Amino acid sequence: MPGQQVKRSDFTIMNRTLTAITIIILLLHSCDGPGLFPCSECNEQYPVRIYLELELADTSQTPVNVQVTVYEGPIDDNIILYEFSTTAQTYLLDALLYKDYTVAARSVYDGKTYIAVDMATPSIHFEEDLCEMPCYYVYNNKLDLRLRYD
């Protein structure tokens, strides 16, 4: 019977530890804004223009032609806003706050077609306390459309 008490005690400690870790994770990733706040990307003035930042290729990759299609909302709705080709590694597009965007990037490597898809809803957060000065931070506006090689 003493063995059962040790197991129950171990279970209680493990349960409390998991609860504490869960609470910490929830506090860092609140729905109110970005989790860890990057003051270096914060602006004192309210942004005049909002951009979607499309990451299309790593700097180590040879530039290739990428066909980009930007959709309003989910890709299933098939509401195309823009279609263009580029060889840029990063591309900026004008966007509206709190609007859902889906972007598909189609590339051809060695005769094979690859399509990367990502979604974003540009949002803004006003931070009063964490940085030296109160400032505005635009987040959820970066889309990673780079192909990965493992």
N, C-alpha and C. Protein backbone atom coordinates (compact mmCIF):
# COMPACT_ATOMS: atom_id res chain seq x y z
N MET A 1 0.80 -1.21 0.00
CA MET A 1 0.00 0.00 0.00
C MET A 1 0.84 1.28 0.00
N PRO A 2 2.03 1.29 0.61
CA PRO A 2 2.83 2.52 0.57
C PRO A 2 3.17 2.91 -0.86
N GLY A 3 3.32 1.94 -1.76
CA GLY A 3 3.63 2.25 -3.15
C GLY A 3 2.52 3.05 -3.82
N GLN A 4 1.29 2.82 -3.46
CA GLN A 4 0.17 3.55 -4.06
C GLN A 4 0.20 5.02 -3.66
N GLN A 5 0.60 5.32 -2.44
CA GLN A 5 0.67 6.71 -2.00
C GLN A 5 1.73 7.48 -2.77
N VAL A 6 2.85 6.84 -3.07
CA VAL A 6 3.92 7.49 -3.82
C VAL A 6 3.42 7.81 -5.22
N LYS A 7 2.72 6.88 -5.86
CA LYS A 7 2.20 7.11 -7.21
C LYS A 7 1.19 8.25 -7.21
N ARG A 8 0.32 8.29 -6.21
CA ARG A 8 -0.67 9.36 -6.14
C ARG A 8 0.04 10.70 -5.94
N SER A 9 1.08 10.74 -5.12
CA SER A 9 1.84 11.96 -4.88
C SER A 9 2.55 12.41 -6.16
N ASP A 10 3.15 11.44 -6.89
CA ASP A 10 3.81 11.77 -8.15
C ASP A 10 2.80 12.33 -9.15
N PHE A 11 1.62 11.75 -9.19
CA PHE A 11 0.57 12.21 -10.10
C PHE A 11 0.16 13.64 -9.77
N THR A 12 0.02 13.95 -8.49
CA THR A 12 -0.38 15.30 -8.06
C THR A 12 0.68 16.32 -8.46
N ILE A 13 1.95 16.00 -8.26
CA ILE A 13 3.03 16.92 -8.63
C ILE A 13 3.05 17.13 -10.14
N MET A 14 2.92 16.04 -10.89
CA MET A 14 2.92 16.13 -12.35
C MET A 14 1.72 16.96 -12.82
N ASN A 15 0.56 16.75 -12.22
CA ASN A 15 -0.65 17.49 -12.60
C ASN A 15 -0.47 18.98 -12.33
N ARG A 16 0.10 19.34 -11.21
CA ARG A 16 0.32 20.75 -10.88
C ARG A 16 1.34 21.38 -11.83
N THR A 17 2.39 20.62 -12.17
CA THR A 17 3.41 21.12 -13.10
C THR A 17 2.81 21.38 -14.47
N LEU A 18 2.02 20.44 -14.98
CA LEU A 18 1.37 20.63 -16.28
C LEU A 18 0.41 21.81 -16.27
N THR A 19 -0.30 21.98 -15.18
CA THR A 19 -1.23 23.11 -15.06
C THR A 19 -0.46 24.43 -15.09
N ALA A 20 0.66 24.50 -14.38
CA ALA A 20 1.48 25.73 -14.36
C ALA A 20 2.04 26.03 -15.75
N ILE A 21 2.53 25.01 -16.46
CA ILE A 21 3.08 25.21 -17.80
C ILE A 21 1.98 25.69 -18.74
N THR A 22 0.80 25.11 -18.65
CA THR A 22 -0.32 25.51 -19.51
C THR A 22 -0.70 26.97 -19.27
N ILE A 23 -0.73 27.39 -18.03
CA ILE A 23 -1.08 28.78 -17.72
C ILE A 23 -0.03 29.74 -18.27
N ILE A 24 1.25 29.38 -18.15
CA ILE A 24 2.32 30.24 -18.69
C ILE A 24 2.19 30.36 -20.20
N ILE A 25 1.95 29.26 -20.88
CA ILE A 25 1.80 29.28 -22.34
C ILE A 25 0.60 30.14 -22.74
N LEU A 26 -0.50 30.01 -22.05
CA LEU A 26 -1.68 30.81 -22.37
C LEU A 26 -1.43 32.31 -22.15
N LEU A 27 -0.68 32.65 -21.12
CA LEU A 27 -0.38 34.06 -20.89
C LEU A 27 0.53 34.63 -21.97
N LEU A 28 1.48 33.84 -22.47
CA LEU A 28 2.38 34.31 -23.51
C LEU A 28 1.69 34.44 -24.86
N HIS A 29 0.66 33.67 -25.08
CA HIS A 29 -0.03 33.67 -26.37
C HIS A 29 -1.48 34.12 -26.21
N SER A 30 -1.66 35.30 -25.65
CA SER A 30 -3.01 35.80 -25.47
C SER A 30 -3.62 36.19 -26.80
N CYS A 31 -4.92 36.23 -26.87
CA CYS A 31 -5.63 36.59 -28.10
C CYS A 31 -5.58 38.09 -28.35
N ASP A 32 -5.15 38.85 -27.38
CA ASP A 32 -5.16 40.30 -27.46
C ASP A 32 -4.09 40.86 -28.38
N GLY A 33 -3.01 40.17 -28.57
CA GLY A 33 -1.93 40.70 -29.39
C GLY A 33 -0.81 39.70 -29.50
N PRO A 34 0.33 40.15 -30.01
CA PRO A 34 1.47 39.24 -30.17
C PRO A 34 1.99 38.77 -28.83
N GLY A 35 2.54 37.54 -28.78
CA GLY A 35 3.02 36.95 -27.54
C GLY A 35 4.21 37.69 -26.96
N LEU A 36 5.38 37.53 -27.52
CA LEU A 36 6.57 38.25 -27.07
C LEU A 36 6.68 39.51 -27.90
N PHE A 37 6.76 40.64 -27.25
CA PHE A 37 6.61 41.90 -27.96
C PHE A 37 7.93 42.43 -28.51
N PRO A 38 8.03 42.63 -29.84
CA PRO A 38 9.26 43.14 -30.46
C PRO A 38 9.27 44.67 -30.54
N CYS A 39 9.81 45.32 -29.55
CA CYS A 39 9.82 46.79 -29.52
C CYS A 39 10.56 47.38 -30.72
N SER A 40 11.52 46.66 -31.28
CA SER A 40 12.28 47.19 -32.42
C SER A 40 11.41 47.36 -33.66
N GLU A 41 10.29 46.65 -33.74
CA GLU A 41 9.40 46.74 -34.89
C GLU A 41 8.18 47.61 -34.59
N CYS A 42 8.23 48.33 -33.51
CA CYS A 42 7.11 49.14 -33.05
C CYS A 42 7.27 50.59 -33.52
N ASN A 43 6.17 51.24 -33.90
CA ASN A 43 6.20 52.63 -34.38
C ASN A 43 5.35 53.52 -33.48
N GLU A 44 5.87 54.72 -33.22
CA GLU A 44 5.12 55.65 -32.38
C GLU A 44 3.87 56.17 -33.09
N GLN A 45 3.94 56.28 -34.41
CA GLN A 45 2.80 56.78 -35.19
C GLN A 45 1.94 55.62 -35.68
N TYR A 46 0.65 55.83 -35.75
CA TYR A 46 -0.26 54.83 -36.31
C TYR A 46 0.13 54.61 -37.77
N PRO A 47 0.28 53.37 -38.21
CA PRO A 47 0.74 53.12 -39.58
C PRO A 47 -0.25 53.64 -40.62
N VAL A 48 0.27 54.34 -41.62
CA VAL A 48 -0.55 54.87 -42.70
C VAL A 48 -0.91 53.76 -43.67
N ARG A 49 0.06 52.87 -43.93
CA ARG A 49 -0.16 51.76 -44.85
C ARG A 49 0.17 50.45 -44.15
N ILE A 50 -0.61 49.44 -44.49
CA ILE A 50 -0.40 48.09 -43.96
C ILE A 50 0.02 47.20 -45.12
N TYR A 51 0.98 46.32 -44.88
CA TYR A 51 1.48 45.45 -45.93
C TYR A 51 1.38 43.98 -45.53
N LEU A 52 1.18 43.14 -46.53
CA LEU A 52 1.44 41.71 -46.39
C LEU A 52 2.88 41.52 -46.82
N GLU A 53 3.66 40.85 -46.00
CA GLU A 53 5.05 40.57 -46.36
C GLU A 53 5.16 39.10 -46.76
N LEU A 54 5.41 38.88 -48.06
CA LEU A 54 5.49 37.53 -48.59
C LEU A 54 6.95 37.10 -48.62
N GLU A 55 7.29 36.05 -47.91
CA GLU A 55 8.63 35.48 -47.97
C GLU A 55 8.57 34.36 -49.00
N LEU A 56 9.22 34.57 -50.14
CA LEU A 56 9.10 33.64 -51.26
C LEU A 56 10.29 32.71 -51.41
N ALA A 57 11.47 33.12 -50.97
CA ALA A 57 12.67 32.28 -51.11
C ALA A 57 13.71 32.69 -50.08
N ASP A 58 14.56 31.74 -49.73
CA ASP A 58 15.70 32.03 -48.85
C ASP A 58 16.76 32.76 -49.66
N THR A 59 17.60 33.50 -48.96
CA THR A 59 18.68 34.22 -49.65
C THR A 59 19.68 33.26 -50.28
N SER A 60 19.76 32.04 -49.78
CA SER A 60 20.70 31.06 -50.33
C SER A 60 20.17 30.39 -51.60
N GLN A 61 18.88 30.56 -51.90
CA GLN A 61 18.30 29.93 -53.08
C GLN A 61 18.51 30.80 -54.32
N THR A 62 18.69 30.14 -55.44
CA THR A 62 18.78 30.84 -56.71
C THR A 62 17.41 31.41 -57.05
N PRO A 63 17.31 32.69 -57.41
CA PRO A 63 16.01 33.27 -57.74
C PRO A 63 15.35 32.54 -58.91
N VAL A 64 14.09 32.20 -58.73
CA VAL A 64 13.30 31.58 -59.80
C VAL A 64 12.00 32.36 -59.93
N ASN A 65 11.34 32.17 -61.03
CA ASN A 65 10.07 32.84 -61.27
C ASN A 65 8.99 32.17 -60.40
N VAL A 66 8.29 32.97 -59.60
CA VAL A 66 7.23 32.47 -58.73
C VAL A 66 5.92 33.11 -59.17
N GLN A 67 4.92 32.28 -59.43
CA GLN A 67 3.58 32.75 -59.75
C GLN A 67 2.82 32.91 -58.43
N VAL A 68 2.38 34.11 -58.13
CA VAL A 68 1.72 34.40 -56.86
C VAL A 68 0.25 34.72 -57.12
N THR A 69 -0.62 34.09 -56.33
CA THR A 69 -2.05 34.38 -56.38
C THR A 69 -2.50 34.76 -54.98
N VAL A 70 -3.11 35.94 -54.84
CA VAL A 70 -3.59 36.43 -53.55
C VAL A 70 -5.11 36.35 -53.55
N TYR A 71 -5.64 35.68 -52.54
CA TYR A 71 -7.09 35.50 -52.40
C TYR A 71 -7.61 36.30 -51.22
N GLU A 72 -8.83 36.78 -51.35
CA GLU A 72 -9.53 37.37 -50.21
C GLU A 72 -10.21 36.22 -49.47
N GLY A 73 -9.92 36.09 -48.19
CA GLY A 73 -10.51 35.01 -47.41
C GLY A 73 -9.86 33.68 -47.73
N PRO A 74 -10.57 32.59 -47.43
CA PRO A 74 -10.01 31.26 -47.69
C PRO A 74 -9.89 30.97 -49.18
N ILE A 75 -8.95 30.14 -49.53
CA ILE A 75 -8.70 29.82 -50.93
C ILE A 75 -9.92 29.15 -51.57
N ASP A 76 -10.71 28.45 -50.76
CA ASP A 76 -11.91 27.77 -51.27
C ASP A 76 -12.95 28.74 -51.82
N ASP A 77 -12.95 29.98 -51.32
CA ASP A 77 -13.91 30.98 -51.82
C ASP A 77 -13.55 31.44 -53.23
N ASN A 78 -12.28 31.26 -53.62
CA ASN A 78 -11.80 31.57 -54.96
C ASN A 78 -12.03 33.03 -55.37
N ILE A 79 -11.85 33.95 -54.41
CA ILE A 79 -11.95 35.38 -54.70
C ILE A 79 -10.53 35.90 -54.89
N ILE A 80 -10.11 36.02 -56.15
CA ILE A 80 -8.74 36.40 -56.46
C ILE A 80 -8.62 37.93 -56.47
N LEU A 81 -7.66 38.44 -55.68
CA LEU A 81 -7.40 39.88 -55.63
C LEU A 81 -6.27 40.27 -56.57
N TYR A 82 -5.18 39.47 -56.59
CA TYR A 82 -4.01 39.77 -57.41
C TYR A 82 -3.45 38.46 -57.96
N GLU A 83 -2.84 38.57 -59.14
CA GLU A 83 -2.04 37.50 -59.70
C GLU A 83 -0.84 38.16 -60.36
N PHE A 84 0.36 37.67 -60.05
CA PHE A 84 1.56 38.25 -60.65
C PHE A 84 2.70 37.24 -60.56
N SER A 85 3.76 37.53 -61.30
CA SER A 85 4.99 36.73 -61.26
C SER A 85 6.11 37.60 -60.73
N THR A 86 7.04 36.97 -60.01
CA THR A 86 8.18 37.70 -59.47
C THR A 86 9.35 36.75 -59.25
N THR A 87 10.54 37.32 -59.22
CA THR A 87 11.73 36.56 -58.83
C THR A 87 12.27 37.08 -57.50
N ALA A 88 11.53 37.97 -56.86
CA ALA A 88 11.95 38.55 -55.58
C ALA A 88 11.92 37.50 -54.47
N GLN A 89 12.80 37.67 -53.50
CA GLN A 89 12.79 36.78 -52.35
C GLN A 89 11.74 37.21 -51.33
N THR A 90 11.52 38.51 -51.23
CA THR A 90 10.49 39.08 -50.35
C THR A 90 9.68 40.08 -51.17
N TYR A 91 8.38 40.08 -50.96
CA TYR A 91 7.51 40.96 -51.74
C TYR A 91 6.49 41.58 -50.79
N LEU A 92 6.26 42.90 -50.91
CA LEU A 92 5.28 43.60 -50.09
C LEU A 92 4.04 43.92 -50.91
N LEU A 93 2.87 43.67 -50.30
CA LEU A 93 1.59 43.98 -50.94
C LEU A 93 0.76 44.84 -50.01
N ASP A 94 0.08 45.84 -50.54
CA ASP A 94 -0.85 46.63 -49.72
C ASP A 94 -1.94 45.72 -49.19
N ALA A 95 -2.34 45.96 -47.94
CA ALA A 95 -3.37 45.12 -47.31
C ALA A 95 -4.25 45.99 -46.42
N LEU A 96 -5.35 45.42 -46.01
CA LEU A 96 -6.27 46.07 -45.08
C LEU A 96 -6.21 45.36 -43.74
N LEU A 97 -6.34 46.13 -42.67
CA LEU A 97 -6.35 45.53 -41.33
C LEU A 97 -7.56 44.62 -41.15
N TYR A 98 -7.34 43.53 -40.44
CA TYR A 98 -8.38 42.60 -40.02
C TYR A 98 -9.12 41.94 -41.19
N LYS A 99 -8.48 41.89 -42.34
CA LYS A 99 -9.05 41.20 -43.50
C LYS A 99 -8.25 39.92 -43.71
N ASP A 100 -8.94 38.82 -43.96
CA ASP A 100 -8.28 37.54 -44.17
C ASP A 100 -7.75 37.44 -45.59
N TYR A 101 -6.51 37.00 -45.69
CA TYR A 101 -5.85 36.79 -46.99
C TYR A 101 -5.28 35.37 -47.03
N THR A 102 -5.34 34.75 -48.20
CA THR A 102 -4.65 33.50 -48.46
C THR A 102 -3.79 33.74 -49.69
N VAL A 103 -2.55 33.27 -49.63
CA VAL A 103 -1.63 33.46 -50.76
C VAL A 103 -1.08 32.10 -51.16
N ALA A 104 -1.09 31.86 -52.47
CA ALA A 104 -0.50 30.65 -53.04
C ALA A 104 0.67 31.07 -53.92
N ALA A 105 1.81 30.41 -53.74
CA ALA A 105 3.00 30.69 -54.54
C ALA A 105 3.37 29.41 -55.30
N ARG A 106 3.38 29.48 -56.61
CA ARG A 106 3.67 28.32 -57.46
C ARG A 106 5.05 28.49 -58.08
N SER A 107 5.92 27.49 -57.86
CA SER A 107 7.29 27.51 -58.38
C SER A 107 7.56 26.22 -59.12
N VAL A 108 8.46 26.31 -60.10
CA VAL A 108 8.89 25.11 -60.83
C VAL A 108 10.38 24.93 -60.61
N TYR A 109 10.77 23.77 -60.04
CA TYR A 109 12.16 23.40 -59.81
C TYR A 109 12.42 22.05 -60.47
N ASP A 110 13.43 22.00 -61.29
CA ASP A 110 13.80 20.74 -61.96
C ASP A 110 12.61 20.07 -62.63
N GLY A 111 11.76 20.87 -63.26
CA GLY A 111 10.63 20.33 -64.00
C GLY A 111 9.44 19.93 -63.14
N LYS A 112 9.53 20.09 -61.84
CA LYS A 112 8.42 19.74 -60.94
C LYS A 112 7.79 21.02 -60.40
N THR A 113 6.46 21.03 -60.31
CA THR A 113 5.73 22.19 -59.80
C THR A 113 5.45 22.02 -58.32
N TYR A 114 5.75 23.08 -57.56
CA TYR A 114 5.49 23.10 -56.12
C TYR A 114 4.61 24.29 -55.80
N ILE A 115 3.65 24.08 -54.89
CA ILE A 115 2.76 25.16 -54.48
C ILE A 115 2.81 25.29 -52.96
N ALA A 116 3.11 26.49 -52.49
CA ALA A 116 3.11 26.79 -51.06
C ALA A 116 1.93 27.72 -50.78
N VAL A 117 1.22 27.47 -49.69
CA VAL A 117 0.03 28.26 -49.34
C VAL A 117 0.15 28.71 -47.88
N ASP A 118 -0.20 29.96 -47.62
CA ASP A 118 -0.22 30.48 -46.25
C ASP A 118 -1.34 31.50 -46.13
N MET A 119 -1.79 31.73 -44.89
CA MET A 119 -2.88 32.68 -44.62
C MET A 119 -2.42 33.72 -43.60
N ALA A 120 -3.03 34.90 -43.66
CA ALA A 120 -2.75 35.95 -42.68
C ALA A 120 -3.94 36.88 -42.55
N THR A 121 -4.06 37.47 -41.38
CA THR A 121 -5.05 38.51 -41.11
C THR A 121 -4.30 39.65 -40.42
N PRO A 122 -3.83 40.64 -41.18
CA PRO A 122 -3.07 41.73 -40.58
C PRO A 122 -3.85 42.39 -39.44
N SER A 123 -3.16 42.57 -38.32
CA SER A 123 -3.77 43.15 -37.12
C SER A 123 -2.81 44.18 -36.55
N ILE A 124 -3.33 45.01 -35.66
CA ILE A 124 -2.50 46.05 -35.04
C ILE A 124 -2.69 46.00 -33.53
N HIS A 125 -1.61 46.28 -32.83
CA HIS A 125 -1.64 46.26 -31.37
C HIS A 125 -1.02 47.57 -30.88
N PHE A 126 -1.67 48.22 -29.95
CA PHE A 126 -1.11 49.42 -29.33
C PHE A 126 -0.52 49.00 -27.99
N GLU A 127 0.77 49.26 -27.82
CA GLU A 127 1.47 48.88 -26.60
C GLU A 127 1.86 50.13 -25.83
N GLU A 128 1.43 50.19 -24.57
CA GLU A 128 1.73 51.37 -23.75
C GLU A 128 2.88 51.15 -22.78
N ASP A 129 3.10 49.91 -22.34
CA ASP A 129 3.98 49.68 -21.20
C ASP A 129 5.29 48.95 -21.50
N LEU A 130 5.33 48.08 -22.48
CA LEU A 130 6.49 47.21 -22.65
C LEU A 130 7.69 47.86 -23.34
N CYS A 131 7.48 48.93 -24.08
CA CYS A 131 8.56 49.61 -24.80
C CYS A 131 8.82 50.97 -24.16
N GLU A 132 9.89 51.63 -24.61
CA GLU A 132 10.26 52.92 -24.03
C GLU A 132 9.15 53.96 -24.21
N MET A 133 8.52 53.94 -25.39
CA MET A 133 7.43 54.87 -25.70
C MET A 133 6.21 54.07 -26.11
N PRO A 134 5.01 54.58 -25.88
CA PRO A 134 3.82 53.89 -26.42
C PRO A 134 3.94 53.79 -27.94
N CYS A 135 3.51 52.66 -28.50
CA CYS A 135 3.71 52.48 -29.93
C CYS A 135 2.72 51.46 -30.52
N TYR A 136 2.69 51.44 -31.85
CA TYR A 136 1.82 50.54 -32.61
C TYR A 136 2.66 49.45 -33.25
N TYR A 137 2.13 48.24 -33.23
CA TYR A 137 2.83 47.11 -33.81
C TYR A 137 1.87 46.34 -34.72
N VAL A 138 2.25 46.18 -35.98
CA VAL A 138 1.46 45.40 -36.93
C VAL A 138 1.97 43.97 -36.87
N TYR A 139 1.04 43.04 -36.72
CA TYR A 139 1.42 41.63 -36.63
C TYR A 139 0.46 40.78 -37.46
N ASN A 140 0.81 39.52 -37.61
CA ASN A 140 0.05 38.56 -38.41
C ASN A 140 -0.08 39.04 -39.86
N ASN A 141 0.99 39.64 -40.37
CA ASN A 141 0.99 40.11 -41.76
C ASN A 141 2.12 39.48 -42.58
N LYS A 142 2.80 38.49 -42.01
CA LYS A 142 3.91 37.84 -42.72
C LYS A 142 3.49 36.44 -43.14
N LEU A 143 3.72 36.15 -44.41
CA LEU A 143 3.38 34.84 -44.95
C LEU A 143 4.65 34.14 -45.41
N ASP A 144 4.87 32.94 -44.92
CA ASP A 144 6.06 32.17 -45.27
C ASP A 144 5.71 31.20 -46.39
N LEU A 145 6.14 31.52 -47.59
CA LEU A 145 5.85 30.71 -48.78
C LEU A 145 7.12 30.07 -49.33
N ARG A 146 8.15 30.00 -48.51
CA ARG A 146 9.42 29.40 -48.94
C ARG A 146 9.32 27.89 -48.96
N LEU A 147 10.00 27.29 -49.92
CA LEU A 147 10.07 25.84 -49.98
C LEU A 147 11.20 25.39 -49.07
N ARG A 148 10.99 24.29 -48.37
CA ARG A 148 12.00 23.75 -47.46
C ARG A 148 12.63 22.51 -48.08
N TYR A 149 13.92 22.39 -47.89
CA TYR A 149 14.64 21.21 -48.38
C TYR A 149 15.21 20.47 -47.19
N ASP A 150 14.79 19.26 -46.99
CA ASP A 150 15.31 18.45 -45.87
C ASP A 150 16.28 17.42 -46.35
